[in-house]
């Protein structure tokens, strides 16, 4: 269902990146374990607001920006068969310090 919706909206957007990828990362007090979340808030072709939760996964070990980016993209691709990099234009987060490092790795994405 998610894949069909995203592919249809992408086609209606003339294959231009239109999504906002919302990033969030929570860590334990020790910083050794965390939870990585990703969702897609966007306005569809029918002008209705959508928010799709794509990913909630446990992060063990390093929370390095390259690892977070790779984990996010590979998990989304594995679960939905979708390349988010081609469809998203902006990376948003309420975890500003960590997202700045991660957002620099998403070439072509703006940051909110």
N, C-alpha and C. Protein backbone atom coordinates (compact mmCIF):
# COMPACT_ATOMS: atom_id res chain seq x y z
N UNK A 1 0.82 -1.19 0.00
CA UNK A 1 0.00 0.00 0.00
C UNK A 1 0.87 1.26 0.00
N UNK A 2 1.88 1.31 0.86
CA UNK A 2 2.78 2.47 0.93
C UNK A 2 3.51 2.65 -0.39
N UNK A 3 4.05 1.56 -0.91
CA UNK A 3 4.80 1.63 -2.16
C UNK A 3 3.92 2.13 -3.30
N UNK A 4 2.71 1.61 -3.41
CA UNK A 4 1.79 2.04 -4.48
C UNK A 4 1.46 3.52 -4.36
N UNK A 5 1.18 3.97 -3.14
CA UNK A 5 0.85 5.38 -2.93
C UNK A 5 2.02 6.28 -3.31
N UNK A 6 3.22 5.93 -2.84
CA UNK A 6 4.39 6.76 -3.14
C UNK A 6 4.71 6.78 -4.63
N UNK A 7 4.63 5.63 -5.27
CA UNK A 7 4.92 5.57 -6.71
C UNK A 7 3.90 6.38 -7.50
N UNK A 8 2.62 6.28 -7.14
CA UNK A 8 1.58 7.04 -7.84
C UNK A 8 1.77 8.54 -7.64
N UNK A 9 2.04 8.96 -6.42
CA UNK A 9 2.25 10.39 -6.15
C UNK A 9 3.51 10.90 -6.85
N UNK A 10 4.56 10.09 -6.89
CA UNK A 10 5.80 10.48 -7.56
C UNK A 10 5.55 10.69 -9.05
N UNK A 11 4.77 9.81 -9.64
CA UNK A 11 4.44 9.95 -11.07
C UNK A 11 3.62 11.21 -11.31
N UNK A 12 2.64 11.48 -10.43
CA UNK A 12 1.81 12.69 -10.56
C UNK A 12 2.63 13.96 -10.35
N UNK A 13 3.73 13.85 -9.62
CA UNK A 13 4.62 15.00 -9.39
C UNK A 13 5.67 15.10 -10.50
N UNK A 14 5.44 14.41 -11.61
CA UNK A 14 6.35 14.42 -12.76
C UNK A 14 7.75 13.94 -12.40
N UNK A 15 7.81 12.96 -11.50
CA UNK A 15 9.06 12.35 -11.05
C UNK A 15 10.02 13.35 -10.40
N UNK A 16 9.46 14.41 -9.84
CA UNK A 16 10.26 15.38 -9.09
C UNK A 16 10.21 15.02 -7.61
N UNK A 17 11.30 15.22 -6.87
CA UNK A 17 11.28 14.92 -5.44
C UNK A 17 10.28 15.85 -4.73
N UNK A 18 9.36 15.27 -3.99
CA UNK A 18 8.30 16.06 -3.36
C UNK A 18 8.12 15.74 -1.88
N UNK A 19 8.79 14.73 -1.40
CA UNK A 19 8.58 14.29 -0.02
C UNK A 19 9.48 15.02 0.96
N UNK A 20 9.04 15.05 2.20
CA UNK A 20 9.85 15.49 3.32
C UNK A 20 10.13 14.25 4.15
N UNK A 21 11.38 13.95 4.37
CA UNK A 21 11.75 12.81 5.21
C UNK A 21 11.96 13.33 6.62
N UNK A 22 11.14 12.88 7.55
CA UNK A 22 11.23 13.31 8.95
C UNK A 22 12.04 12.28 9.72
N UNK A 23 13.11 12.75 10.32
CA UNK A 23 14.08 11.90 11.02
C UNK A 23 13.95 12.11 12.52
N UNK A 24 14.02 11.04 13.28
CA UNK A 24 14.08 11.16 14.74
C UNK A 24 14.92 10.02 15.29
N UNK A 25 15.66 10.31 16.33
CA UNK A 25 16.54 9.32 16.96
C UNK A 25 16.50 9.54 18.46
N UNK A 26 16.10 8.51 19.18
CA UNK A 26 16.08 8.55 20.64
C UNK A 26 17.16 7.62 21.15
N UNK A 27 17.84 8.02 22.21
CA UNK A 27 18.87 7.16 22.80
C UNK A 27 18.60 6.96 24.28
N UNK A 28 19.17 5.87 24.82
CA UNK A 28 19.08 5.61 26.25
C UNK A 28 20.04 6.53 26.99
N UNK A 29 19.96 6.51 28.32
CA UNK A 29 20.85 7.34 29.14
C UNK A 29 22.32 7.05 28.86
N UNK A 30 22.63 5.81 28.59
CA UNK A 30 24.03 5.44 28.35
C UNK A 30 24.46 5.73 26.92
N UNK A 31 23.50 5.96 26.03
CA UNK A 31 23.81 6.24 24.63
C UNK A 31 24.19 5.02 23.82
N UNK A 32 24.08 3.83 24.42
CA UNK A 32 24.49 2.61 23.71
C UNK A 32 23.38 2.03 22.84
N UNK A 33 22.14 2.30 23.20
CA UNK A 33 21.01 1.81 22.42
C UNK A 33 20.11 2.98 22.08
N UNK A 34 19.42 2.83 20.98
CA UNK A 34 18.52 3.89 20.57
C UNK A 34 17.45 3.37 19.64
N UNK A 35 16.56 4.26 19.28
CA UNK A 35 15.49 3.94 18.34
C UNK A 35 15.54 4.98 17.23
N UNK A 36 15.55 4.51 16.01
CA UNK A 36 15.57 5.37 14.83
C UNK A 36 14.19 5.35 14.21
N UNK A 37 13.65 6.52 13.95
CA UNK A 37 12.34 6.63 13.33
C UNK A 37 12.41 7.46 12.06
N UNK A 38 11.55 7.15 11.12
CA UNK A 38 11.46 7.93 9.88
C UNK A 38 10.02 7.94 9.41
N UNK A 39 9.55 9.10 9.02
CA UNK A 39 8.21 9.21 8.46
C UNK A 39 8.22 10.20 7.31
N UNK A 40 7.14 10.19 6.55
CA UNK A 40 7.01 11.05 5.38
C UNK A 40 5.75 11.89 5.49
N UNK A 41 5.86 13.13 5.91
CA UNK A 41 4.70 14.02 5.83
C UNK A 41 4.70 14.71 4.47
N UNK A 42 3.57 14.70 3.78
CA UNK A 42 3.49 15.38 2.48
C UNK A 42 2.04 15.68 2.13
N UNK A 43 1.88 16.60 1.21
CA UNK A 43 0.56 16.93 0.68
C UNK A 43 0.44 16.22 -0.66
N UNK A 44 -0.59 15.39 -0.78
CA UNK A 44 -0.77 14.58 -1.98
C UNK A 44 -1.35 15.36 -3.15
N UNK A 45 -1.48 14.68 -4.25
CA UNK A 45 -1.99 15.30 -5.47
C UNK A 45 -3.43 15.78 -5.32
N UNK A 46 -4.16 15.22 -4.36
CA UNK A 46 -5.54 15.65 -4.10
C UNK A 46 -5.60 16.72 -3.01
N UNK A 47 -4.45 17.28 -2.65
CA UNK A 47 -4.29 18.33 -1.64
C UNK A 47 -4.62 17.86 -0.22
N UNK A 48 -4.62 16.57 0.02
CA UNK A 48 -4.82 16.07 1.38
C UNK A 48 -3.46 15.82 2.03
N UNK A 49 -3.41 16.03 3.34
CA UNK A 49 -2.17 15.84 4.09
C UNK A 49 -2.01 14.37 4.44
N UNK A 50 -0.83 13.84 4.19
CA UNK A 50 -0.49 12.46 4.53
C UNK A 50 0.71 12.46 5.47
N UNK A 51 0.71 11.55 6.40
CA UNK A 51 1.91 11.30 7.22
C UNK A 51 2.03 9.79 7.33
N UNK A 52 3.07 9.26 6.69
CA UNK A 52 3.30 7.83 6.67
C UNK A 52 4.50 7.50 7.54
N UNK A 53 4.30 6.68 8.55
CA UNK A 53 5.42 6.21 9.36
C UNK A 53 6.07 5.06 8.62
N UNK A 54 7.33 5.23 8.27
CA UNK A 54 8.03 4.23 7.48
C UNK A 54 8.88 3.29 8.31
N UNK A 55 9.44 3.81 9.37
CA UNK A 55 10.49 3.06 10.03
C UNK A 55 10.55 3.37 11.51
N UNK A 56 10.59 2.34 12.31
CA UNK A 56 10.94 2.41 13.72
C UNK A 56 11.82 1.19 13.95
N UNK A 57 13.09 1.42 14.23
CA UNK A 57 14.02 0.31 14.38
C UNK A 57 15.01 0.58 15.50
N UNK A 58 15.46 -0.46 16.15
CA UNK A 58 16.42 -0.35 17.24
C UNK A 58 17.82 -0.17 16.67
N UNK A 59 18.56 0.76 17.26
CA UNK A 59 19.94 1.02 16.86
C UNK A 59 20.84 0.58 18.01
N UNK A 60 21.67 -0.40 17.77
CA UNK A 60 22.64 -0.86 18.77
C UNK A 60 24.01 -0.37 18.37
N UNK A 61 24.75 0.13 19.31
CA UNK A 61 26.11 0.57 19.00
C UNK A 61 26.17 2.00 18.53
N UNK A 62 27.01 2.24 17.54
CA UNK A 62 27.29 3.59 17.07
C UNK A 62 26.06 4.27 16.46
N UNK A 63 25.95 5.56 16.75
CA UNK A 63 24.91 6.38 16.14
C UNK A 63 25.55 7.37 15.16
N UNK A 64 26.67 6.95 14.58
CA UNK A 64 27.37 7.81 13.63
C UNK A 64 26.48 8.18 12.46
N UNK A 65 26.66 9.37 11.94
CA UNK A 65 25.76 9.88 10.91
C UNK A 65 25.74 9.00 9.66
N UNK A 66 26.89 8.47 9.24
CA UNK A 66 26.91 7.59 8.07
C UNK A 66 26.12 6.31 8.34
N UNK A 67 26.27 5.76 9.53
CA UNK A 67 25.55 4.54 9.87
C UNK A 67 24.05 4.78 9.93
N UNK A 68 23.65 5.91 10.51
CA UNK A 68 22.22 6.24 10.60
C UNK A 68 21.63 6.41 9.20
N UNK A 69 22.33 7.14 8.34
CA UNK A 69 21.85 7.33 6.97
C UNK A 69 21.72 6.00 6.25
N UNK A 70 22.76 5.19 6.30
CA UNK A 70 22.74 3.90 5.61
C UNK A 70 21.64 2.98 6.15
N UNK A 71 21.49 2.96 7.47
CA UNK A 71 20.45 2.12 8.08
C UNK A 71 19.07 2.58 7.62
N UNK A 72 18.86 3.88 7.64
CA UNK A 72 17.56 4.42 7.26
C UNK A 72 17.23 4.08 5.80
N UNK A 73 18.13 4.37 4.90
CA UNK A 73 17.87 4.12 3.48
C UNK A 73 17.73 2.63 3.16
N UNK A 74 18.60 1.81 3.75
CA UNK A 74 18.54 0.38 3.44
C UNK A 74 17.30 -0.28 4.03
N UNK A 75 16.90 0.11 5.24
CA UNK A 75 15.69 -0.47 5.85
C UNK A 75 14.44 -0.08 5.09
N UNK A 76 14.36 1.19 4.67
CA UNK A 76 13.19 1.64 3.90
C UNK A 76 13.14 0.92 2.56
N UNK A 77 14.29 0.79 1.90
CA UNK A 77 14.34 0.08 0.62
C UNK A 77 13.94 -1.38 0.79
N UNK A 78 14.41 -2.01 1.87
CA UNK A 78 14.10 -3.42 2.11
C UNK A 78 12.61 -3.62 2.42
N UNK A 79 12.04 -2.75 3.24
CA UNK A 79 10.65 -2.89 3.65
C UNK A 79 9.66 -2.54 2.54
N UNK A 80 9.99 -1.51 1.75
CA UNK A 80 9.01 -0.99 0.79
C UNK A 80 9.45 -1.07 -0.67
N UNK A 81 10.71 -1.41 -0.91
CA UNK A 81 11.21 -1.44 -2.28
C UNK A 81 11.23 -0.07 -2.93
N UNK A 82 11.44 0.96 -2.11
CA UNK A 82 11.40 2.34 -2.58
C UNK A 82 12.73 3.02 -2.28
N UNK A 83 13.23 3.77 -3.25
CA UNK A 83 14.41 4.61 -3.02
C UNK A 83 13.92 5.99 -2.59
N UNK A 84 14.01 6.26 -1.31
CA UNK A 84 13.55 7.54 -0.78
C UNK A 84 14.42 8.68 -1.28
N UNK A 85 15.69 8.44 -1.51
CA UNK A 85 16.60 9.49 -1.97
C UNK A 85 16.09 10.17 -3.24
N UNK A 86 15.49 9.39 -4.13
CA UNK A 86 15.00 9.94 -5.40
C UNK A 86 13.68 10.69 -5.24
N UNK A 87 12.96 10.44 -4.16
CA UNK A 87 11.63 10.99 -4.01
C UNK A 87 11.54 12.11 -2.97
N UNK A 88 12.55 12.26 -2.14
CA UNK A 88 12.50 13.26 -1.07
C UNK A 88 13.39 14.45 -1.39
N UNK A 89 12.89 15.61 -1.03
CA UNK A 89 13.65 16.83 -1.26
C UNK A 89 14.19 17.42 0.03
N UNK A 90 13.49 17.23 1.14
CA UNK A 90 13.88 17.84 2.40
C UNK A 90 14.02 16.80 3.49
N UNK A 91 14.93 17.04 4.42
CA UNK A 91 15.09 16.24 5.62
C UNK A 91 14.74 17.13 6.79
N UNK A 92 13.77 16.71 7.60
CA UNK A 92 13.34 17.49 8.76
C UNK A 92 13.59 16.69 10.02
N UNK A 93 13.79 17.42 11.13
CA UNK A 93 14.00 16.74 12.39
C UNK A 93 13.75 17.67 13.55
N UNK A 94 13.39 17.09 14.69
CA UNK A 94 13.35 17.87 15.91
C UNK A 94 14.54 17.53 16.79
N UNK A 95 15.47 16.78 16.26
CA UNK A 95 16.72 16.47 16.96
C UNK A 95 17.86 17.17 16.23
N UNK A 96 17.84 18.49 16.28
CA UNK A 96 18.72 19.33 15.46
C UNK A 96 20.20 18.95 15.46
N UNK A 97 20.85 18.74 16.61
CA UNK A 97 22.29 18.46 16.55
C UNK A 97 22.64 17.21 15.73
N UNK A 98 21.89 16.14 15.90
CA UNK A 98 22.23 14.92 15.17
C UNK A 98 21.81 14.98 13.72
N UNK A 99 20.70 15.63 13.43
CA UNK A 99 20.22 15.64 12.05
C UNK A 99 21.11 16.49 11.15
N UNK A 100 21.78 17.47 11.70
CA UNK A 100 22.68 18.27 10.86
C UNK A 100 23.77 17.40 10.26
N UNK A 101 24.32 16.50 11.06
CA UNK A 101 25.35 15.60 10.56
C UNK A 101 24.78 14.65 9.51
N UNK A 102 23.60 14.09 9.81
CA UNK A 102 22.98 13.14 8.88
C UNK A 102 22.55 13.86 7.61
N UNK A 103 21.97 15.06 7.74
CA UNK A 103 21.44 15.76 6.56
C UNK A 103 22.53 16.11 5.56
N UNK A 104 23.74 16.34 6.03
CA UNK A 104 24.84 16.65 5.12
C UNK A 104 25.17 15.47 4.21
N UNK A 105 24.75 14.29 4.60
CA UNK A 105 25.02 13.09 3.82
C UNK A 105 23.97 12.87 2.73
N UNK A 106 22.84 13.54 2.85
CA UNK A 106 21.77 13.42 1.86
C UNK A 106 21.94 14.54 0.85
N UNK A 107 22.78 14.34 -0.14
CA UNK A 107 23.05 15.35 -1.16
C UNK A 107 21.76 15.62 -1.93
N UNK A 108 21.45 16.88 -2.12
CA UNK A 108 20.25 17.25 -2.85
C UNK A 108 19.05 17.46 -1.96
N UNK A 109 19.17 17.14 -0.67
CA UNK A 109 18.09 17.37 0.26
C UNK A 109 18.30 18.74 0.88
N UNK A 110 17.24 19.51 1.05
CA UNK A 110 17.29 20.72 1.86
C UNK A 110 17.07 20.32 3.30
N UNK A 111 17.33 21.21 4.23
CA UNK A 111 17.14 20.91 5.65
C UNK A 111 16.16 21.88 6.26
N UNK A 112 15.24 21.36 7.07
CA UNK A 112 14.27 22.21 7.75
C UNK A 112 14.52 22.14 9.24
